[in-house]
Each structure stands twice: as structure tokens, then as C-alpha cells.
């Protein structure tokens, strides 16, 4: 929820792409469509591959994508424009859910700026990654 909530502000900011709100809305739609596709695809994959390994992989990829988007906002924007209609949803479908994280990210955005507020989802993904590594010892 946190990333989906802040995507329009992120994409319309002058530091990133300076997109018009309707254009940014298209990317947010791709984000939510990618999240839906990822959940459906994940339910199929989970029948064949160990859930712990998938969780670890997804956490690492999500952390990497958020860090790239924050450190290289122009590069992230260029990827989105270059891959529009093909794979841009993959680049932006690393959503983090919950009721508290969007509020925490909003507080950070007000205090330290929009770009640096994306450290909140990174911390959330790091927690997921730590959980995934700690659950390796558990066998279901």
C-alpha cells in the first residue's frame, strides 16, 4: 500500500519525471495490475517451489528496485518510459502493505522529503527478508 499510495507523488515530482497526473495514474494502474498478476502467478508457483525461497527472492528484488528508484530516480523513470506497455509493471510492482507503513512513510515524506521516505518500504522489505531467512530452519 505504501508504494502504491506515493507513486503518483513520486512520478509527478520534478526530481523524477515531472509527469502529468493522468500519465502518472497510468503507471499506478500498471502497479496495481502487476500486483494482481504477481499474486495470481505466485499462487501457481507456490505449488511447485518452496515458499521460503520465493519470499527471500522477492524481498531481495523488492529492496533492490526501491533502492534503485530512490538512488537513480531518472534511471527508474527512463526504464518506465522505455518499457511502457511491456514490462514497466514489473519495475513498479514491489508494493508493501499494511495500515501503518503508508502513515509512517507520509510522516517521513513530510519531515525528510519524498525520495528519502522510500527508506520505509526498504526497511519493511528487509524485515520480510530477515523473516524469510529465519524461517529456512522451519520445515512445513
Protein backbone atom coordinates (compact mmCIF):
# COMPACT_ATOMS: atom_id res chain seq x y z
CA UNK A 1 0.00 0.00 0.00
CA UNK A 2 2.76 2.46 0.85
CA UNK A 3 4.38 2.40 -2.58
CA UNK A 4 1.06 2.50 -4.42
CA UNK A 5 -0.03 5.44 -2.30
CA UNK A 6 3.05 7.52 -3.06
CA UNK A 7 3.62 6.59 -6.70
CA UNK A 8 1.68 9.50 -8.18
CA UNK A 9 3.54 11.99 -5.97
CA UNK A 10 6.83 10.30 -6.85
CA UNK A 11 6.23 10.24 -10.62
CA UNK A 12 4.88 13.80 -10.77
CA UNK A 13 7.71 15.24 -8.70
CA UNK A 14 10.18 17.47 -10.51
CA UNK A 15 13.05 15.36 -9.19
CA UNK A 16 11.89 12.26 -11.08
CA UNK A 17 9.81 12.51 -14.24
CA UNK A 18 7.55 15.53 -13.83
CA UNK A 19 4.70 13.54 -15.37
CA UNK A 20 1.21 14.97 -15.53
CA UNK A 21 -1.14 13.36 -13.01
CA UNK A 22 -3.13 11.43 -15.67
CA UNK A 23 0.08 9.91 -17.04
CA UNK A 24 1.25 9.01 -13.56
CA UNK A 25 -2.15 7.43 -12.99
CA UNK A 26 -1.43 5.04 -15.87
CA UNK A 27 1.73 3.87 -14.11
CA UNK A 28 -0.15 3.45 -10.82
CA UNK A 29 -2.71 1.32 -12.69
CA UNK A 30 0.17 -0.77 -14.02
CA UNK A 31 1.47 -1.07 -10.47
CA UNK A 32 -1.82 -2.44 -9.15
CA UNK A 33 -2.26 -4.66 -12.22
CA UNK A 34 1.23 -6.02 -11.66
CA UNK A 35 0.40 -6.67 -8.02
CA UNK A 36 -2.71 -8.61 -9.06
CA UNK A 37 -0.79 -10.60 -11.68
CA UNK A 38 2.01 -11.29 -9.21
CA UNK A 39 -0.39 -12.68 -6.64
CA UNK A 40 -2.13 -14.90 -9.18
CA UNK A 41 1.15 -16.10 -10.67
CA UNK A 42 2.57 -16.59 -7.17
CA UNK A 43 -0.27 -18.90 -6.20
CA UNK A 44 0.69 -21.16 -9.10
CA UNK A 45 4.43 -21.02 -8.43
CA UNK A 46 3.99 -21.72 -4.70
CA UNK A 47 2.66 -25.17 -5.57
CA UNK A 48 5.99 -26.07 -7.17
CA UNK A 49 8.70 -24.09 -5.35
CA UNK A 50 9.46 -23.73 -1.65
CA UNK A 51 7.71 -20.65 -0.23
CA UNK A 52 10.76 -19.62 1.80
CA UNK A 53 12.96 -19.39 -1.29
CA UNK A 54 10.33 -17.36 -3.14
CA UNK A 55 9.92 -14.99 -0.19
CA UNK A 56 13.69 -14.47 0.03
CA UNK A 57 13.99 -13.80 -3.69
CA UNK A 58 11.06 -11.37 -3.73
CA UNK A 59 12.36 -9.47 -0.70
CA UNK A 60 15.82 -9.05 -2.26
CA UNK A 61 14.39 -7.95 -5.62
CA UNK A 62 11.97 -5.52 -3.95
CA UNK A 63 14.73 -3.94 -1.85
CA UNK A 64 16.91 -3.63 -4.93
CA UNK A 65 14.19 -2.00 -7.03
CA UNK A 66 13.23 0.51 -4.34
CA UNK A 67 16.88 1.42 -3.74
CA UNK A 68 17.47 1.86 -7.48
CA UNK A 69 14.33 4.01 -7.74
CA UNK A 70 15.48 6.25 -4.89
CA UNK A 71 19.18 6.47 -5.75
CA UNK A 72 18.68 6.80 -9.51
CA UNK A 73 15.22 8.36 -9.96
CA UNK A 74 15.96 9.41 -13.53
CA UNK A 75 17.08 5.91 -14.42
CA UNK A 76 13.93 4.44 -12.90
CA UNK A 77 11.81 6.91 -14.85
CA UNK A 78 13.66 6.13 -18.07
CA UNK A 79 13.05 2.42 -17.52
CA UNK A 80 9.35 3.08 -17.00
CA UNK A 81 9.13 5.16 -20.17
CA UNK A 82 11.25 2.74 -22.20
CA UNK A 83 9.34 -0.33 -21.11
CA UNK A 84 5.85 1.21 -21.04
CA UNK A 85 3.33 -1.33 -22.20
CA UNK A 86 5.82 -4.18 -21.91
CA UNK A 87 7.43 -4.61 -18.55
CA UNK A 88 7.02 -1.38 -16.63
CA UNK A 89 4.63 -3.11 -14.24
CA UNK A 90 7.45 -5.44 -13.25
CA UNK A 91 9.61 -2.46 -12.29
CA UNK A 92 6.99 -0.92 -10.05
CA UNK A 93 5.08 -3.84 -8.58
CA UNK A 94 7.05 -4.05 -5.35
CA UNK A 95 4.27 -2.94 -3.05
CA UNK A 96 4.35 -3.15 0.69
CA UNK A 97 1.09 -3.48 2.53
CA UNK A 98 -0.28 -2.62 5.87
CA UNK A 99 -2.03 0.22 7.58
CA UNK A 100 0.97 1.64 9.43
CA UNK A 101 3.64 1.84 6.71
CA UNK A 102 1.83 4.37 4.50
CA UNK A 103 1.33 6.61 7.53
CA UNK A 104 4.96 6.22 8.57
CA UNK A 105 6.12 6.94 5.03
CA UNK A 106 3.88 10.04 4.90
CA UNK A 107 5.43 11.30 8.13
CA UNK A 108 8.91 10.70 6.72
CA UNK A 109 7.95 12.42 3.45
CA UNK A 110 6.85 15.49 5.40
CA UNK A 111 9.99 15.56 7.55
CA UNK A 112 12.82 14.42 5.24
CA UNK A 113 11.37 14.57 1.71
CA UNK A 114 9.56 12.27 -0.67
CA UNK A 115 12.58 10.47 -2.11
CA UNK A 116 14.15 9.63 1.24
CA UNK A 117 10.78 8.49 2.60
CA UNK A 118 11.14 5.40 0.42
CA UNK A 119 13.56 4.04 3.03
CA UNK A 120 10.40 2.99 4.93
CA UNK A 121 9.44 0.32 2.36
CA UNK A 122 13.10 -0.76 2.18
CA UNK A 123 13.04 -1.40 5.92
CA UNK A 124 9.76 -3.29 5.50
CA UNK A 125 11.28 -5.48 2.80
CA UNK A 126 14.36 -6.03 4.96
CA UNK A 127 12.09 -7.29 7.75
CA UNK A 128 10.46 -9.68 5.27
CA UNK A 129 13.90 -10.85 4.14
CA UNK A 130 15.03 -11.44 7.74
CA UNK A 131 11.83 -13.38 8.37
CA UNK A 132 12.41 -15.46 5.24
CA UNK A 133 15.98 -16.32 6.23
CA UNK A 134 14.95 -17.15 9.79
CA UNK A 135 12.15 -19.40 8.56
CA UNK A 136 14.57 -21.53 6.48
CA UNK A 137 15.09 -23.74 9.50
CA UNK A 138 11.36 -24.43 9.75
CA UNK A 139 10.02 -27.17 7.53
CA UNK A 140 6.33 -27.48 6.91
